[in-house]
Amino acid sequence: MMIRVLLIILLSLGFSSHSLADSANEILAFSDPEKRQRYYSLISELRCPKCQNQNLSDSDAPIANDLRNELYLLINDNYSDADILSFMESRYGEFVLYSPPVNKVTAVLWIIPAGLAFIGVAIVAFIVVRNQQDDEVEND
């Protein structure tokens, strides 16, 4: 009898977690395919505020579900993509954008990788030139 109860509990937990996992992949009705395409494009561009490094399409967090629903309503109310991104950014901050704009705050994020790449190329060029000079000295 106890085994049956445990089995029923485990099965019910399994089904409930499965239904939660499918919430991110819910099927929504759109009036035209362009709106549907915009929706899926935007949920891949917007980051879940809770999940740190997941976009809205990958996240199962309740806030991600709320944002997907909000996004669905905004698209059906004929907001432009720029208006939607601006709304989400004003409400949740720049963190919600996967590709933050270049400004005073985010300039460091854009400059450091380019600077490190430039330094790396300069070091390699210096080593190559020095090795060529050493080879010329040894050959003389």
C-alpha atoms as a PDB file:
ATOM      1  CA  MET A   1       0.000   0.000   0.000  1.00  0.00           C
ATOM      2  CA  MET A   2       2.799   2.427   0.917  1.00  0.00           C
ATOM      3  CA  ILE A   3       4.568   1.679  -2.356  1.00  0.00           C
ATOM      4  CA  ARG A   4       1.420   2.605  -4.319  1.00  0.00           C
ATOM      5  CA  VAL A   5       1.146   5.916  -2.502  1.00  0.00           C
ATOM      6  CA  LEU A   6       4.799   6.722  -3.167  1.00  0.00           C
ATOM      7  CA  LEU A   7       4.424   5.726  -6.801  1.00  0.00           C
ATOM      8  CA  ILE A   8       1.373   7.952  -7.226  1.00  0.00           C
ATOM      9  CA  ILE A   9       3.193  10.879  -5.598  1.00  0.00           C
ATOM     10  CA  LEU A  10       6.253  10.418  -7.814  1.00  0.00           C
ATOM     11  CA  LEU A  11       4.143  10.152 -10.952  1.00  0.00           C
ATOM     12  CA  SER A  12       2.138  13.250 -10.080  1.00  0.00           C
ATOM     13  CA  LEU A  13       5.339  15.204  -9.439  1.00  0.00           C
ATOM     14  CA  GLY A  14       6.721  14.012 -12.749  1.00  0.00           C
ATOM     15  CA  PHE A  15       3.635  15.152 -14.641  1.00  0.00           C
ATOM     16  CA  SER A  16       3.505  18.516 -12.892  1.00  0.00           C
ATOM     17  CA  SER A  17       7.177  19.262 -13.618  1.00  0.00           C
ATOM     18  CA  HIS A  18       6.632  18.232 -17.230  1.00  0.00           C
ATOM     19  CA  SER A  19       3.790  20.691 -17.572  1.00  0.00           C
ATOM     20  CA  LEU A  20       5.954  23.438 -16.050  1.00  0.00           C
ATOM     21  CA  ALA A  21       8.769  22.692 -18.476  1.00  0.00           C
ATOM     22  CA  ASP A  22       6.389  23.056 -21.412  1.00  0.00           C
ATOM     23  CA  SER A  23       5.257  26.522 -20.310  1.00  0.00           C
ATOM     24  CA  ALA A  24       8.152  28.166 -22.184  1.00  0.00           C
ATOM     25  CA  ASN A  25       7.117  26.437 -25.395  1.00  0.00           C
ATOM     26  CA  GLU A  26       3.431  27.274 -25.232  1.00  0.00           C
ATOM     27  CA  ILE A  27       1.603  27.755 -28.488  1.00  0.00           C
ATOM     28  CA  LEU A  28       0.151  31.214 -28.929  1.00  0.00           C
ATOM     29  CA  ALA A  29      -2.315  32.328 -31.575  1.00  0.00           C
ATOM     30  CA  PHE A  30      -1.245  35.252 -33.738  1.00  0.00           C
ATOM     31  CA  SER A  31      -3.319  37.049 -36.353  1.00  0.00           C
ATOM     32  CA  ASP A  32      -0.507  36.833 -38.920  1.00  0.00           C
ATOM     33  CA  PRO A  33       2.806  34.979 -39.342  1.00  0.00           C
ATOM     34  CA  GLU A  34       4.838  38.197 -39.137  1.00  0.00           C
ATOM     35  CA  LYS A  35       3.690  38.803 -35.550  1.00  0.00           C
ATOM     36  CA  ARG A  36       4.536  35.223 -34.669  1.00  0.00           C
ATOM     37  CA  GLN A  37       8.014  35.634 -36.150  1.00  0.00           C
ATOM     38  CA  ARG A  38       8.529  38.903 -34.237  1.00  0.00           C
ATOM     39  CA  TYR A  39       7.426  37.218 -31.006  1.00  0.00           C
ATOM     40  CA  TYR A  40       9.914  34.368 -31.349  1.00  0.00           C
ATOM     41  CA  SER A  41      12.667  36.755 -32.409  1.00  0.00           C
ATOM     42  CA  LEU A  42      12.076  39.000 -29.396  1.00  0.00           C
ATOM     43  CA  ILE A  43      11.887  36.188 -26.828  1.00  0.00           C
ATOM     44  CA  SER A  44      15.295  35.056 -28.041  1.00  0.00           C
ATOM     45  CA  GLU A  45      16.662  38.642 -27.782  1.00  0.00           C
ATOM     46  CA  LEU A  46      15.363  39.365 -24.296  1.00  0.00           C
ATOM     47  CA  ARG A  47      17.037  37.940 -21.189  1.00  0.00           C
ATOM     48  CA  CYS A  48      15.150  36.541 -18.221  1.00  0.00           C
ATOM     49  CA  PRO A  49      15.665  38.895 -15.262  1.00  0.00           C
ATOM     50  CA  LYS A  50      15.851  35.967 -12.847  1.00  0.00           C
ATOM     51  CA  CYS A  51      17.850  33.377 -14.798  1.00  0.00           C
ATOM     52  CA  GLN A  52      20.970  35.486 -15.421  1.00  0.00           C
ATOM     53  CA  ASN A  53      22.022  33.873 -18.689  1.00  0.00           C
ATOM     54  CA  GLN A  54      18.882  32.501 -20.311  1.00  0.00           C
ATOM     55  CA  ASN A  55      16.661  34.215 -22.782  1.00  0.00           C
ATOM     56  CA  LEU A  56      12.886  34.267 -22.370  1.00  0.00           C
ATOM     57  CA  SER A  57      12.410  31.324 -24.716  1.00  0.00           C
ATOM     58  CA  ASP A  58      14.690  29.071 -22.639  1.00  0.00           C
ATOM     59  CA  SER A  59      13.544  30.095 -19.177  1.00  0.00           C
ATOM     60  CA  ASP A  60      10.918  28.324 -17.078  1.00  0.00           C
ATOM     61  CA  ALA A  61      10.893  31.030 -14.390  1.00  0.00           C
ATOM     62  CA  PRO A  62       7.515  32.583 -13.590  1.00  0.00           C
ATOM     63  CA  ILE A  63       8.859  36.058 -14.446  1.00  0.00           C
ATOM     64  CA  ALA A  64       9.868  34.793 -17.899  1.00  0.00           C
ATOM     65  CA  ASN A  65       6.354  33.470 -18.421  1.00  0.00           C
ATOM     66  CA  ASP A  66       4.941  36.866 -17.389  1.00  0.00           C
ATOM     67  CA  LEU A  67       7.300  38.634 -19.794  1.00  0.00           C
ATOM     68  CA  ARG A  68       6.354  36.302 -22.647  1.00  0.00           C
ATOM     69  CA  ASN A  69       2.680  37.064 -21.978  1.00  0.00           C
ATOM     70  CA  GLU A  70       3.402  40.802 -21.821  1.00  0.00           C
ATOM     71  CA  LEU A  71       5.348  40.563 -25.063  1.00  0.00           C
ATOM     72  CA  TYR A  72       2.472  38.698 -26.705  1.00  0.00           C
ATOM     73  CA  LEU A  73       0.049  41.458 -25.682  1.00  0.00           C
ATOM     74  CA  LEU A  74       2.368  44.233 -26.870  1.00  0.00           C
ATOM     75  CA  ILE A  75       2.830  42.594 -30.267  1.00  0.00           C
ATOM     76  CA  ASN A  76      -0.919  42.105 -30.665  1.00  0.00           C
ATOM     77  CA  ASP A  77      -1.410  45.781 -29.708  1.00  0.00           C
ATOM     78  CA  ASN A  78       0.830  46.632 -32.708  1.00  0.00           C
ATOM     79  CA  TYR A  79       3.779  48.039 -30.767  1.00  0.00           C
ATOM     80  CA  SER A  80       6.964  48.213 -32.811  1.00  0.00           C
ATOM     81  CA  ASP A  81      10.005  46.133 -31.855  1.00  0.00           C
ATOM     82  CA  ALA A  82      11.837  49.306 -30.814  1.00  0.00           C
ATOM     83  CA  ASP A  83       8.914  50.324 -28.564  1.00  0.00           C
ATOM     84  CA  ILE A  84       8.805  46.856 -27.008  1.00  0.00           C
ATOM     85  CA  LEU A  85      12.549  46.797 -26.340  1.00  0.00           C
ATOM     86  CA  SER A  86      12.371  50.303 -24.891  1.00  0.00           C
ATOM     87  CA  PHE A  87       9.449  49.303 -22.649  1.00  0.00           C
ATOM     88  CA  MET A  88      11.227  46.184 -21.407  1.00  0.00           C
ATOM     89  CA  GLU A  89      14.455  48.103 -20.808  1.00  0.00           C
ATOM     90  CA  SER A  90      12.690  50.876 -18.900  1.00  0.00           C
ATOM     91  CA  ARG A  91      10.873  48.344 -16.744  1.00  0.00           C
ATOM     92  CA  TYR A  92      13.675  45.790 -16.133  1.00  0.00           C
ATOM     93  CA  GLY A  93      16.864  47.712 -16.931  1.00  0.00           C
ATOM     94  CA  GLU A  94      19.512  47.141 -19.606  1.00  0.00           C
ATOM     95  CA  PHE A  95      20.153  43.685 -18.171  1.00  0.00           C
ATOM     96  CA  VAL A  96      17.078  42.386 -19.999  1.00  0.00           C
ATOM     97  CA  LEU A  97      18.782  43.112 -23.355  1.00  0.00           C
ATOM     98  CA  TYR A  98      21.228  40.448 -24.529  1.00  0.00           C
ATOM     99  CA  SER A  99      23.078  42.997 -26.671  1.00  0.00           C
ATOM    100  CA  PRO A 100      23.284  46.158 -24.587  1.00  0.00           C
ATOM    101  CA  PRO A 101      23.729  49.423 -26.486  1.00  0.00           C
ATOM    102  CA  VAL A 102      27.085  51.190 -26.472  1.00  0.00           C
ATOM    103  CA  ASN A 103      26.946  54.049 -23.981  1.00  0.00           C
ATOM    104  CA  LYS A 104      29.039  55.418 -21.108  1.00  0.00           C
ATOM    105  CA  VAL A 105      28.166  52.524 -18.822  1.00  0.00           C
ATOM    106  CA  THR A 106      28.613  49.672 -21.303  1.00  0.00           C
ATOM    107  CA  ALA A 107      31.549  51.115 -23.262  1.00  0.00           C
ATOM    108  CA  VAL A 108      33.975  49.150 -21.101  1.00  0.00           C
ATOM    109  CA  LEU A 109      32.219  45.910 -22.043  1.00  0.00           C
ATOM    110  CA  TRP A 110      32.714  46.703 -25.713  1.00  0.00           C
ATOM    111  CA  ILE A 111      36.236  48.157 -25.484  1.00  0.00           C
ATOM    112  CA  ILE A 112      37.959  45.537 -23.286  1.00  0.00           C
ATOM    113  CA  PRO A 113      37.586  42.586 -25.730  1.00  0.00           C
ATOM    114  CA  ALA A 114      38.753  44.727 -28.649  1.00  0.00           C
ATOM    115  CA  GLY A 115      41.645  46.059 -26.562  1.00  0.00           C
ATOM    116  CA  LEU A 116      42.696  42.584 -25.467  1.00  0.00           C
ATOM    117  CA  ALA A 117      42.557  41.344 -29.070  1.00  0.00           C
ATOM    118  CA  PHE A 118      44.711  44.304 -30.181  1.00  0.00           C
ATOM    119  CA  ILE A 119      47.249  43.631 -27.399  1.00  0.00           C
ATOM    120  CA  GLY A 120      47.357  39.941 -28.358  1.00  0.00           C
ATOM    121  CA  VAL A 121      48.015  40.753 -32.027  1.00  0.00           C
ATOM    122  CA  ALA A 122      50.693  43.277 -31.023  1.00  0.00           C
ATOM    123  CA  ILE A 123      52.447  40.696 -28.806  1.00  0.00           C
ATOM    124  CA  VAL A 124      52.404  38.079 -31.577  1.00  0.00           C
ATOM    125  CA  ALA A 125      53.729  40.624 -34.093  1.00  0.00           C
ATOM    126  CA  PHE A 126      56.486  41.664 -31.668  1.00  0.00           C
ATOM    127  CA  ILE A 127      57.521  38.035 -31.105  1.00  0.00           C
ATOM    128  CA  VAL A 128      57.564  37.286 -34.852  1.00  0.00           C
ATOM    129  CA  VAL A 129      59.644  40.388 -35.638  1.00  0.00           C
ATOM    130  CA  ARG A 130      62.067  39.643 -32.790  1.00  0.00           C
ATOM    131  CA  ASN A 131      62.492  36.023 -33.938  1.00  0.00           C
ATOM    132  CA  GLN A 132      63.174  37.187 -37.510  1.00  0.00           C
ATOM    133  CA  GLN A 133      65.801  39.633 -36.236  1.00  0.00           C
ATOM    134  CA  ASP A 134      67.391  36.901 -34.088  1.00  0.00           C
ATOM    135  CA  ASP A 135      67.506  34.597 -37.134  1.00  0.00           C
ATOM    136  CA  GLU A 136      69.187  37.317 -39.224  1.00  0.00           C
ATOM    137  CA  VAL A 137      71.791  37.913 -36.488  1.00  0.00           C
ATOM    138  CA  GLU A 138      72.559  34.172 -36.220  1.00  0.00           C
ATOM    139  CA  ASN A 139      72.891  33.833 -40.017  1.00  0.00           C
ATOM    140  CA  ASP A 140      75.436  36.730 -40.215  1.00  0.00           C
END
